[in-house]
N, C-alpha and C. Protein backbone atom coordinates (compact mmCIF):
# COMPACT_ATOMS: atom_id res chain seq x y z
N MET A 1 0.85 -1.18 0.00
CA MET A 1 0.00 0.00 0.00
C MET A 1 0.89 1.24 0.00
N THR A 2 0.50 2.21 -0.75
CA THR A 2 1.29 3.42 -0.87
C THR A 2 1.07 4.35 0.32
N ILE A 3 2.06 5.20 0.57
CA ILE A 3 1.95 6.21 1.62
C ILE A 3 0.76 7.11 1.33
N ASN A 4 0.54 7.42 0.06
CA ASN A 4 -0.57 8.28 -0.34
C ASN A 4 -1.91 7.68 0.10
N LYS A 5 -2.08 6.37 -0.09
CA LYS A 5 -3.34 5.73 0.29
C LYS A 5 -3.52 5.73 1.81
N ILE A 6 -2.45 5.54 2.53
CA ILE A 6 -2.52 5.58 4.00
C ILE A 6 -2.94 6.97 4.46
N ARG A 7 -2.35 8.00 3.86
CA ARG A 7 -2.69 9.38 4.21
C ARG A 7 -4.16 9.68 3.89
N VAL A 8 -4.60 9.27 2.71
CA VAL A 8 -5.99 9.49 2.30
C VAL A 8 -6.94 8.77 3.26
N ARG A 9 -6.61 7.54 3.62
CA ARG A 9 -7.45 6.77 4.55
C ARG A 9 -7.55 7.49 5.90
N ASP A 10 -6.43 7.97 6.42
CA ASP A 10 -6.44 8.68 7.70
C ASP A 10 -7.31 9.93 7.63
N GLU A 11 -7.19 10.68 6.54
CA GLU A 11 -8.00 11.90 6.38
C GLU A 11 -9.50 11.57 6.37
N TRP A 12 -9.88 10.55 5.59
CA TRP A 12 -11.30 10.22 5.47
C TRP A 12 -11.85 9.58 6.74
N LEU A 13 -11.02 8.83 7.45
CA LEU A 13 -11.47 8.26 8.72
C LEU A 13 -11.79 9.38 9.70
N HIS A 14 -10.93 10.38 9.76
CA HIS A 14 -11.17 11.53 10.64
C HIS A 14 -12.45 12.26 10.24
N LYS A 15 -12.62 12.50 8.94
CA LYS A 15 -13.83 13.20 8.46
C LYS A 15 -15.09 12.41 8.78
N ARG A 16 -15.06 11.12 8.52
CA ARG A 16 -16.23 10.28 8.73
C ARG A 16 -16.58 10.17 10.21
N CYS A 17 -15.58 10.00 11.05
CA CYS A 17 -15.84 9.85 12.49
C CYS A 17 -16.33 11.14 13.13
N SER A 18 -16.04 12.27 12.51
CA SER A 18 -16.48 13.54 13.08
C SER A 18 -17.84 13.97 12.51
N SER A 19 -18.40 13.17 11.62
CA SER A 19 -19.70 13.52 11.04
C SER A 19 -20.79 12.63 11.62
N THR A 20 -22.00 13.05 11.42
CA THR A 20 -23.14 12.23 11.82
C THR A 20 -24.07 12.10 10.63
N VAL A 21 -24.71 10.96 10.54
CA VAL A 21 -25.66 10.73 9.46
C VAL A 21 -27.00 11.31 9.90
N LYS A 22 -27.51 12.24 9.12
CA LYS A 22 -28.77 12.89 9.46
C LYS A 22 -29.92 12.22 8.72
N ARG A 23 -31.08 12.25 9.34
CA ARG A 23 -32.31 11.74 8.74
C ARG A 23 -32.18 10.27 8.34
N GLN A 24 -31.74 9.47 9.29
CA GLN A 24 -31.58 8.03 9.07
C GLN A 24 -32.89 7.40 8.59
N ASP A 25 -34.03 7.91 9.08
CA ASP A 25 -35.32 7.35 8.68
C ASP A 25 -35.57 7.53 7.19
N LEU A 26 -35.21 8.70 6.65
CA LEU A 26 -35.40 8.95 5.22
C LEU A 26 -34.44 8.11 4.38
N ILE A 27 -33.23 7.94 4.87
CA ILE A 27 -32.24 7.13 4.15
C ILE A 27 -32.71 5.68 4.09
N LEU A 28 -33.23 5.19 5.21
CA LEU A 28 -33.72 3.81 5.25
C LEU A 28 -34.90 3.61 4.30
N ALA A 29 -35.80 4.58 4.25
CA ALA A 29 -36.94 4.50 3.33
C ALA A 29 -36.46 4.50 1.88
N LYS A 30 -35.47 5.33 1.59
CA LYS A 30 -34.92 5.39 0.22
C LYS A 30 -34.24 4.06 -0.13
N ALA A 31 -33.52 3.49 0.82
CA ALA A 31 -32.86 2.20 0.58
C ALA A 31 -33.88 1.11 0.31
N SER A 32 -34.96 1.13 1.08
CA SER A 32 -36.02 0.14 0.88
C SER A 32 -36.61 0.25 -0.52
N LYS A 33 -36.81 1.47 -0.97
CA LYS A 33 -37.42 1.72 -2.28
C LYS A 33 -36.46 1.43 -3.44
N GLU A 34 -35.17 1.72 -3.26
CA GLU A 34 -34.23 1.63 -4.38
C GLU A 34 -33.37 0.37 -4.40
N LEU A 35 -33.06 -0.19 -3.23
CA LEU A 35 -32.20 -1.37 -3.19
C LEU A 35 -32.97 -2.68 -3.22
N LEU A 36 -34.03 -2.76 -2.43
CA LEU A 36 -34.73 -4.04 -2.30
C LEU A 36 -35.33 -4.55 -3.60
N PRO A 37 -35.82 -3.69 -4.50
CA PRO A 37 -36.33 -4.21 -5.78
C PRO A 37 -35.26 -4.91 -6.64
N LEU A 38 -33.99 -4.70 -6.33
CA LEU A 38 -32.92 -5.37 -7.08
C LEU A 38 -32.77 -6.84 -6.69
N LEU A 39 -33.38 -7.23 -5.58
CA LEU A 39 -33.29 -8.61 -5.12
C LEU A 39 -34.34 -9.48 -5.81
N ASN A 40 -33.92 -10.66 -6.22
CA ASN A 40 -34.87 -11.65 -6.70
C ASN A 40 -35.41 -12.41 -5.51
N LYS A 41 -36.51 -13.10 -5.70
CA LYS A 41 -37.11 -13.88 -4.61
C LYS A 41 -36.08 -14.85 -4.04
N ASN A 42 -36.02 -14.92 -2.74
CA ASN A 42 -35.14 -15.80 -1.97
C ASN A 42 -33.66 -15.42 -2.01
N GLN A 43 -33.30 -14.28 -2.60
CA GLN A 43 -31.91 -13.83 -2.54
C GLN A 43 -31.67 -13.10 -1.23
N TRP A 44 -30.45 -13.16 -0.77
CA TRP A 44 -30.07 -12.53 0.48
C TRP A 44 -29.43 -11.18 0.23
N LEU A 45 -29.67 -10.27 1.17
CA LEU A 45 -29.06 -8.94 1.18
C LEU A 45 -27.97 -8.95 2.24
N CYS A 46 -26.73 -8.70 1.84
CA CYS A 46 -25.61 -8.66 2.78
C CYS A 46 -25.40 -7.23 3.25
N LEU A 47 -25.65 -7.01 4.53
CA LEU A 47 -25.46 -5.70 5.16
C LEU A 47 -24.11 -5.68 5.87
N TYR A 48 -23.94 -4.75 6.79
CA TYR A 48 -22.75 -4.64 7.62
C TYR A 48 -23.20 -4.03 8.94
N TRP A 49 -22.41 -4.24 9.98
CA TRP A 49 -22.67 -3.62 11.28
C TRP A 49 -22.02 -2.24 11.26
N PRO A 50 -22.81 -1.15 11.34
CA PRO A 50 -22.25 0.19 11.13
C PRO A 50 -21.36 0.68 12.28
N LEU A 51 -20.32 1.39 11.89
CA LEU A 51 -19.46 2.08 12.83
C LEU A 51 -19.87 3.54 12.87
N GLN A 52 -19.23 4.32 13.74
CA GLN A 52 -19.56 5.74 13.88
C GLN A 52 -19.49 6.45 12.54
N GLY A 53 -20.55 7.16 12.21
CA GLY A 53 -20.59 7.94 10.99
C GLY A 53 -21.04 7.18 9.75
N GLU A 54 -21.21 5.86 9.85
CA GLU A 54 -21.66 5.07 8.70
C GLU A 54 -23.18 5.04 8.64
N ILE A 55 -23.70 4.94 7.43
CA ILE A 55 -25.14 4.81 7.24
C ILE A 55 -25.57 3.44 7.77
N ASP A 56 -26.62 3.44 8.58
CA ASP A 56 -27.12 2.22 9.21
C ASP A 56 -28.33 1.70 8.43
N LEU A 57 -28.16 0.61 7.73
CA LEU A 57 -29.26 0.02 6.95
C LEU A 57 -29.80 -1.27 7.57
N ARG A 58 -29.46 -1.53 8.84
CA ARG A 58 -29.95 -2.75 9.48
C ARG A 58 -31.47 -2.80 9.56
N GLY A 59 -32.12 -1.65 9.51
CA GLY A 59 -33.58 -1.62 9.54
C GLY A 59 -34.21 -2.33 8.36
N LEU A 60 -33.46 -2.55 7.29
CA LEU A 60 -33.99 -3.30 6.15
C LEU A 60 -34.34 -4.73 6.54
N ALA A 61 -33.71 -5.22 7.60
CA ALA A 61 -34.00 -6.59 8.06
C ALA A 61 -35.42 -6.71 8.60
N GLN A 62 -36.06 -5.59 8.91
CA GLN A 62 -37.44 -5.60 9.42
C GLN A 62 -38.46 -5.77 8.29
N GLN A 63 -38.03 -5.61 7.05
CA GLN A 63 -38.94 -5.74 5.91
C GLN A 63 -39.38 -7.20 5.79
N SER A 64 -40.63 -7.39 5.41
CA SER A 64 -41.10 -8.77 5.24
C SER A 64 -40.46 -9.38 4.00
N ASN A 65 -40.22 -10.65 4.07
CA ASN A 65 -39.66 -11.43 2.95
C ASN A 65 -38.24 -11.03 2.56
N ILE A 66 -37.51 -10.40 3.45
CA ILE A 66 -36.12 -10.05 3.17
C ILE A 66 -35.21 -10.93 4.03
N HIS A 67 -34.28 -11.59 3.38
CA HIS A 67 -33.27 -12.39 4.08
C HIS A 67 -32.01 -11.54 4.17
N VAL A 68 -31.47 -11.41 5.38
CA VAL A 68 -30.33 -10.53 5.61
C VAL A 68 -29.16 -11.31 6.19
N ALA A 69 -27.97 -10.93 5.75
CA ALA A 69 -26.74 -11.52 6.27
C ALA A 69 -25.81 -10.40 6.73
N LEU A 70 -24.94 -10.75 7.66
CA LEU A 70 -23.90 -9.83 8.14
C LEU A 70 -22.54 -10.48 7.93
N PRO A 71 -21.50 -9.66 7.78
CA PRO A 71 -20.16 -10.23 7.60
C PRO A 71 -19.60 -10.81 8.90
N VAL A 72 -18.81 -11.86 8.72
CA VAL A 72 -18.07 -12.46 9.82
C VAL A 72 -16.62 -12.58 9.35
N ALA A 73 -15.71 -11.91 10.06
CA ALA A 73 -14.29 -11.99 9.74
C ALA A 73 -13.69 -13.14 10.53
N LYS A 74 -13.04 -14.04 9.80
CA LYS A 74 -12.41 -15.19 10.46
C LYS A 74 -11.13 -15.55 9.69
N LYS A 75 -10.03 -15.57 10.39
CA LYS A 75 -8.73 -15.92 9.81
C LYS A 75 -8.44 -15.12 8.54
N HIS A 76 -8.61 -13.82 8.61
CA HIS A 76 -8.31 -12.88 7.52
C HIS A 76 -9.21 -13.06 6.29
N GLN A 77 -10.32 -13.76 6.46
CA GLN A 77 -11.30 -13.92 5.38
C GLN A 77 -12.63 -13.37 5.85
N LEU A 78 -13.45 -12.96 4.90
CA LEU A 78 -14.78 -12.45 5.20
C LEU A 78 -15.81 -13.43 4.66
N HIS A 79 -16.77 -13.78 5.50
CA HIS A 79 -17.86 -14.67 5.12
C HIS A 79 -19.16 -13.97 5.47
N MET A 80 -20.23 -14.33 4.80
CA MET A 80 -21.54 -13.77 5.09
C MET A 80 -22.38 -14.84 5.78
N HIS A 81 -22.94 -14.47 6.94
CA HIS A 81 -23.75 -15.39 7.73
C HIS A 81 -25.15 -14.82 7.90
N ALA A 82 -26.12 -15.71 7.94
CA ALA A 82 -27.51 -15.32 8.14
C ALA A 82 -27.65 -14.53 9.43
N TRP A 83 -28.52 -13.53 9.40
CA TRP A 83 -28.81 -12.74 10.59
C TRP A 83 -30.27 -12.35 10.61
N TYR A 84 -30.86 -12.48 11.76
CA TYR A 84 -32.23 -12.05 11.99
C TYR A 84 -32.21 -11.15 13.22
N PRO A 85 -32.90 -10.01 13.17
CA PRO A 85 -32.92 -9.12 14.34
C PRO A 85 -33.28 -9.89 15.61
N GLY A 86 -32.51 -9.66 16.63
CA GLY A 86 -32.74 -10.34 17.89
C GLY A 86 -31.85 -11.55 18.11
N TYR A 87 -31.27 -12.09 17.04
CA TYR A 87 -30.36 -13.22 17.20
C TYR A 87 -29.08 -12.71 17.87
N PRO A 88 -28.46 -13.53 18.70
CA PRO A 88 -27.25 -13.08 19.40
C PRO A 88 -26.08 -12.86 18.44
N LEU A 89 -25.30 -11.85 18.75
CA LEU A 89 -24.10 -11.52 17.99
C LEU A 89 -22.90 -11.62 18.93
N TYR A 90 -21.79 -12.06 18.38
CA TYR A 90 -20.57 -12.22 19.15
C TYR A 90 -19.43 -11.57 18.36
N PRO A 91 -18.38 -11.12 19.04
CA PRO A 91 -17.27 -10.50 18.31
C PRO A 91 -16.61 -11.48 17.34
N ASP A 92 -16.39 -11.01 16.11
CA ASP A 92 -15.64 -11.83 15.15
C ASP A 92 -14.15 -11.54 15.34
N ASP A 93 -13.33 -12.01 14.43
CA ASP A 93 -11.87 -11.83 14.58
C ASP A 93 -11.44 -10.36 14.55
N CYS A 94 -12.28 -9.48 14.03
CA CYS A 94 -11.98 -8.04 14.03
C CYS A 94 -12.64 -7.32 15.21
N GLY A 95 -13.40 -8.05 16.01
CA GLY A 95 -14.06 -7.46 17.16
C GLY A 95 -15.43 -6.87 16.88
N PHE A 96 -15.95 -7.05 15.66
CA PHE A 96 -17.27 -6.51 15.31
C PHE A 96 -18.37 -7.48 15.70
N PRO A 97 -19.53 -6.96 16.10
CA PRO A 97 -20.66 -7.85 16.38
C PRO A 97 -21.03 -8.62 15.11
N ALA A 98 -21.11 -9.94 15.24
CA ALA A 98 -21.35 -10.78 14.06
C ALA A 98 -22.12 -12.04 14.46
N PRO A 99 -22.90 -12.57 13.53
CA PRO A 99 -23.63 -13.82 13.78
C PRO A 99 -22.73 -15.03 13.55
N VAL A 100 -21.68 -15.16 14.34
CA VAL A 100 -20.65 -16.16 14.10
C VAL A 100 -21.16 -17.59 14.13
N ASP A 101 -22.24 -17.85 14.86
CA ASP A 101 -22.73 -19.22 14.96
C ASP A 101 -23.95 -19.49 14.07
N GLN A 102 -24.21 -18.61 13.13
CA GLN A 102 -25.34 -18.79 12.22
C GLN A 102 -24.87 -19.34 10.87
N TYR A 103 -25.84 -19.69 10.06
CA TYR A 103 -25.63 -20.30 8.75
C TYR A 103 -24.75 -19.43 7.86
N ARG A 104 -23.72 -20.02 7.26
CA ARG A 104 -22.83 -19.32 6.32
C ARG A 104 -23.40 -19.44 4.91
N LEU A 105 -23.56 -18.30 4.25
CA LEU A 105 -24.16 -18.28 2.92
C LEU A 105 -23.17 -18.69 1.83
N HIS A 106 -23.72 -19.30 0.80
CA HIS A 106 -22.97 -19.55 -0.43
C HIS A 106 -23.23 -18.34 -1.33
N PRO A 107 -22.25 -17.91 -2.12
CA PRO A 107 -22.46 -16.74 -2.99
C PRO A 107 -23.69 -16.85 -3.89
N SER A 108 -24.06 -18.04 -4.29
CA SER A 108 -25.23 -18.20 -5.16
C SER A 108 -26.53 -17.77 -4.49
N GLN A 109 -26.52 -17.63 -3.17
CA GLN A 109 -27.70 -17.20 -2.43
C GLN A 109 -27.80 -15.68 -2.31
N VAL A 110 -26.72 -14.99 -2.62
CA VAL A 110 -26.63 -13.55 -2.38
C VAL A 110 -27.08 -12.76 -3.61
N GLY A 111 -27.92 -11.76 -3.38
CA GLY A 111 -28.36 -10.88 -4.45
C GLY A 111 -27.60 -9.57 -4.47
N ILE A 112 -27.34 -9.02 -3.28
CA ILE A 112 -26.64 -7.73 -3.17
C ILE A 112 -25.68 -7.78 -1.99
N LEU A 113 -24.48 -7.29 -2.23
CA LEU A 113 -23.48 -7.12 -1.18
C LEU A 113 -23.29 -5.63 -0.96
N LEU A 114 -23.62 -5.17 0.25
CA LEU A 114 -23.42 -3.76 0.61
C LEU A 114 -22.16 -3.67 1.47
N ALA A 115 -21.33 -2.67 1.20
CA ALA A 115 -20.09 -2.51 1.94
C ALA A 115 -19.93 -1.06 2.37
N PRO A 116 -19.57 -0.83 3.63
CA PRO A 116 -19.32 0.54 4.07
C PRO A 116 -17.97 1.00 3.52
N CYS A 117 -17.74 2.29 3.58
CA CYS A 117 -16.44 2.79 3.12
C CYS A 117 -16.15 4.13 3.77
N LEU A 118 -14.91 4.52 3.68
CA LEU A 118 -14.50 5.85 4.13
C LEU A 118 -14.71 6.86 3.01
N ALA A 119 -14.45 6.42 1.78
CA ALA A 119 -14.63 7.26 0.60
C ALA A 119 -14.78 6.35 -0.61
N PHE A 120 -15.29 6.92 -1.70
CA PHE A 120 -15.42 6.18 -2.95
C PHE A 120 -15.31 7.17 -4.10
N ASP A 121 -14.99 6.63 -5.28
CA ASP A 121 -14.89 7.53 -6.43
C ASP A 121 -15.87 7.13 -7.52
N LYS A 122 -15.90 7.93 -8.57
CA LYS A 122 -16.89 7.75 -9.64
C LYS A 122 -16.64 6.50 -10.47
N ARG A 123 -15.49 5.85 -10.26
CA ARG A 123 -15.20 4.59 -10.95
C ARG A 123 -15.70 3.39 -10.16
N GLY A 124 -16.17 3.64 -8.92
CA GLY A 124 -16.60 2.54 -8.06
C GLY A 124 -15.49 2.01 -7.17
N ILE A 125 -14.37 2.72 -7.12
CA ILE A 125 -13.27 2.31 -6.24
C ILE A 125 -13.63 2.72 -4.82
N ARG A 126 -13.48 1.78 -3.90
CA ARG A 126 -13.84 1.98 -2.49
C ARG A 126 -12.57 2.11 -1.66
N LEU A 127 -12.57 3.09 -0.77
CA LEU A 127 -11.51 3.20 0.22
C LEU A 127 -12.07 2.65 1.52
N GLY A 128 -11.56 1.47 1.91
CA GLY A 128 -12.02 0.84 3.14
C GLY A 128 -11.06 1.15 4.28
N TYR A 129 -11.00 0.23 5.22
CA TYR A 129 -10.21 0.44 6.42
C TYR A 129 -8.80 -0.13 6.32
N GLY A 130 -8.48 -0.78 5.21
CA GLY A 130 -7.12 -1.25 4.99
C GLY A 130 -6.88 -2.71 5.32
N GLY A 131 -7.89 -3.42 5.77
CA GLY A 131 -7.72 -4.84 6.08
C GLY A 131 -7.81 -5.76 4.88
N GLY A 132 -8.40 -5.28 3.80
CA GLY A 132 -8.51 -6.08 2.58
C GLY A 132 -9.58 -7.15 2.59
N TYR A 133 -10.45 -7.14 3.60
CA TYR A 133 -11.46 -8.20 3.72
C TYR A 133 -12.42 -8.23 2.52
N TYR A 134 -12.97 -7.08 2.15
CA TYR A 134 -13.89 -7.06 1.02
C TYR A 134 -13.15 -7.33 -0.29
N ASP A 135 -11.90 -6.88 -0.41
CA ASP A 135 -11.10 -7.17 -1.60
C ASP A 135 -10.90 -8.68 -1.77
N ARG A 136 -10.53 -9.36 -0.68
CA ARG A 136 -10.32 -10.80 -0.76
C ARG A 136 -11.62 -11.54 -1.06
N LEU A 137 -12.71 -11.11 -0.43
CA LEU A 137 -14.00 -11.75 -0.69
C LEU A 137 -14.39 -11.61 -2.16
N ARG A 138 -14.32 -10.38 -2.66
CA ARG A 138 -14.77 -10.10 -4.03
C ARG A 138 -13.79 -10.60 -5.09
N SER A 139 -12.60 -11.00 -4.72
CA SER A 139 -11.66 -11.55 -5.70
C SER A 139 -11.98 -13.00 -6.02
N LYS A 140 -12.80 -13.64 -5.20
CA LYS A 140 -13.18 -15.03 -5.45
C LYS A 140 -14.17 -15.08 -6.61
N PRO A 141 -13.96 -16.00 -7.55
CA PRO A 141 -14.82 -16.04 -8.75
C PRO A 141 -16.32 -16.07 -8.45
N ASP A 142 -16.74 -16.81 -7.45
CA ASP A 142 -18.18 -16.89 -7.13
C ASP A 142 -18.75 -15.58 -6.63
N TRP A 143 -17.91 -14.70 -6.11
CA TRP A 143 -18.39 -13.42 -5.57
C TRP A 143 -18.28 -12.28 -6.58
N ARG A 144 -17.52 -12.46 -7.64
CA ARG A 144 -17.29 -11.36 -8.60
C ARG A 144 -18.56 -10.89 -9.29
N SER A 145 -19.50 -11.81 -9.51
CA SER A 145 -20.71 -11.44 -10.24
C SER A 145 -21.82 -10.89 -9.34
N ILE A 146 -21.62 -10.93 -8.04
CA ILE A 146 -22.62 -10.42 -7.10
C ILE A 146 -22.70 -8.90 -7.22
N THR A 147 -23.90 -8.36 -7.31
CA THR A 147 -24.07 -6.91 -7.33
C THR A 147 -23.52 -6.35 -6.03
N SER A 148 -22.48 -5.54 -6.13
CA SER A 148 -21.79 -5.01 -4.96
C SER A 148 -21.87 -3.49 -4.98
N ILE A 149 -22.34 -2.95 -3.86
CA ILE A 149 -22.63 -1.51 -3.76
C ILE A 149 -21.99 -0.95 -2.50
N VAL A 150 -21.24 0.15 -2.63
CA VAL A 150 -20.71 0.82 -1.45
C VAL A 150 -21.79 1.73 -0.87
N VAL A 151 -21.74 1.90 0.43
CA VAL A 151 -22.71 2.74 1.13
C VAL A 151 -21.95 3.78 1.93
N ALA A 152 -22.29 5.04 1.68
CA ALA A 152 -21.62 6.14 2.39
C ALA A 152 -22.41 7.42 2.16
N SER A 153 -22.06 8.43 2.91
CA SER A 153 -22.63 9.76 2.68
C SER A 153 -22.12 10.28 1.33
N ALA A 154 -22.95 11.07 0.67
CA ALA A 154 -22.55 11.67 -0.61
C ALA A 154 -21.30 12.54 -0.45
N THR A 155 -21.06 13.05 0.74
CA THR A 155 -19.87 13.87 0.98
C THR A 155 -18.59 13.05 0.91
N CYS A 156 -18.70 11.73 0.88
CA CYS A 156 -17.54 10.85 0.82
C CYS A 156 -17.12 10.52 -0.61
N GLN A 157 -17.83 11.05 -1.60
CA GLN A 157 -17.47 10.80 -2.99
C GLN A 157 -16.38 11.78 -3.42
N VAL A 158 -15.36 11.23 -4.04
CA VAL A 158 -14.27 12.03 -4.57
C VAL A 158 -14.12 11.73 -6.06
N ASN A 159 -13.37 12.56 -6.74
CA ASN A 159 -13.18 12.38 -8.17
C ASN A 159 -12.40 11.10 -8.47
N GLN A 160 -11.27 10.91 -7.77
CA GLN A 160 -10.47 9.72 -8.00
C GLN A 160 -9.67 9.38 -6.76
N LEU A 161 -9.72 8.10 -6.37
CA LEU A 161 -8.94 7.59 -5.26
C LEU A 161 -7.73 6.84 -5.79
N PRO A 162 -6.67 6.77 -4.99
CA PRO A 162 -5.56 5.90 -5.40
C PRO A 162 -6.06 4.45 -5.39
N ALA A 163 -5.71 3.69 -6.40
CA ALA A 163 -6.16 2.30 -6.50
C ALA A 163 -4.97 1.36 -6.62
N GLU A 164 -5.13 0.21 -6.01
CA GLU A 164 -4.12 -0.84 -6.09
C GLU A 164 -4.57 -1.86 -7.13
N PRO A 165 -3.67 -2.71 -7.62
CA PRO A 165 -4.05 -3.70 -8.63
C PRO A 165 -5.17 -4.64 -8.17
N TRP A 166 -5.29 -4.88 -6.86
CA TRP A 166 -6.31 -5.80 -6.36
C TRP A 166 -7.65 -5.13 -6.08
N ASP A 167 -7.73 -3.82 -6.23
CA ASP A 167 -9.00 -3.13 -6.00
C ASP A 167 -9.97 -3.43 -7.14
N ILE A 168 -11.10 -4.02 -6.80
CA ILE A 168 -12.14 -4.35 -7.78
C ILE A 168 -13.22 -3.29 -7.67
N PRO A 169 -13.51 -2.58 -8.75
CA PRO A 169 -14.56 -1.56 -8.68
C PRO A 169 -15.91 -2.16 -8.28
N PHE A 170 -16.64 -1.41 -7.48
CA PHE A 170 -18.00 -1.81 -7.10
C PHE A 170 -18.94 -1.43 -8.24
N HIS A 171 -20.11 -2.05 -8.24
CA HIS A 171 -21.09 -1.82 -9.31
C HIS A 171 -21.85 -0.51 -9.15
N GLY A 172 -21.74 0.10 -7.98
CA GLY A 172 -22.44 1.35 -7.75
C GLY A 172 -22.30 1.78 -6.31
N TRP A 173 -23.06 2.83 -5.95
CA TRP A 173 -23.03 3.33 -4.58
C TRP A 173 -24.41 3.79 -4.17
N PHE A 174 -24.62 3.73 -2.86
CA PHE A 174 -25.87 4.21 -2.28
C PHE A 174 -25.51 5.26 -1.24
N THR A 175 -26.12 6.45 -1.39
CA THR A 175 -25.93 7.55 -0.44
C THR A 175 -27.30 8.07 -0.04
N GLU A 176 -27.33 9.09 0.77
CA GLU A 176 -28.60 9.72 1.13
C GLU A 176 -29.30 10.31 -0.09
N MET A 177 -28.56 10.47 -1.19
CA MET A 177 -29.13 10.98 -2.44
C MET A 177 -29.78 9.87 -3.26
N GLY A 178 -29.50 8.63 -2.91
CA GLY A 178 -30.08 7.50 -3.63
C GLY A 178 -29.02 6.58 -4.22
N LEU A 179 -29.48 5.69 -5.08
CA LEU A 179 -28.64 4.66 -5.68
C LEU A 179 -28.11 5.12 -7.04
N THR A 180 -26.82 4.91 -7.25
CA THR A 180 -26.19 5.16 -8.55
C THR A 180 -25.50 3.87 -8.97
N MET A 181 -25.87 3.35 -10.13
CA MET A 181 -25.24 2.14 -10.65
C MET A 181 -24.33 2.53 -11.82
N LEU A 182 -23.21 1.86 -11.93
CA LEU A 182 -22.27 2.11 -13.03
C LEU A 182 -22.63 1.25 -14.23
């Protein structure tokens, strides 16, 4: 990783942690209207457990007929496990609340993979936290075809981020302004 990418990540982490997501209810309603129709019957929606300043879309799990999964980090790999509101969560290898003892999904079951980010660009390049978990997951052939969307505030969009050879562009992004697909 380049020094430039480390510096950019530090800047965006500071910006994101010092901001708050406003009107979460409106964002959730927009996500329900714009993201859920992309799912076919019986496909799973992969969410994430939000950190400070990230858009929280866990409320989508309350929708009827929606199957939701959360990421579980284990041995430097990311897996998606079934999650239902109220089911117990335990720290995964990164310390995030995760459904570690629930059913692990096969990529063929997944309709949409949502990923948080610090920043993203108009090419679909995502600046994450530097662990490479989503990069490793999406580099697997079975995961490459999954509709993958970054989720962040519109203020996190930049013209161009530094990219590494292993960075796989996402198919689009979802912000408080709505869904944009590439």
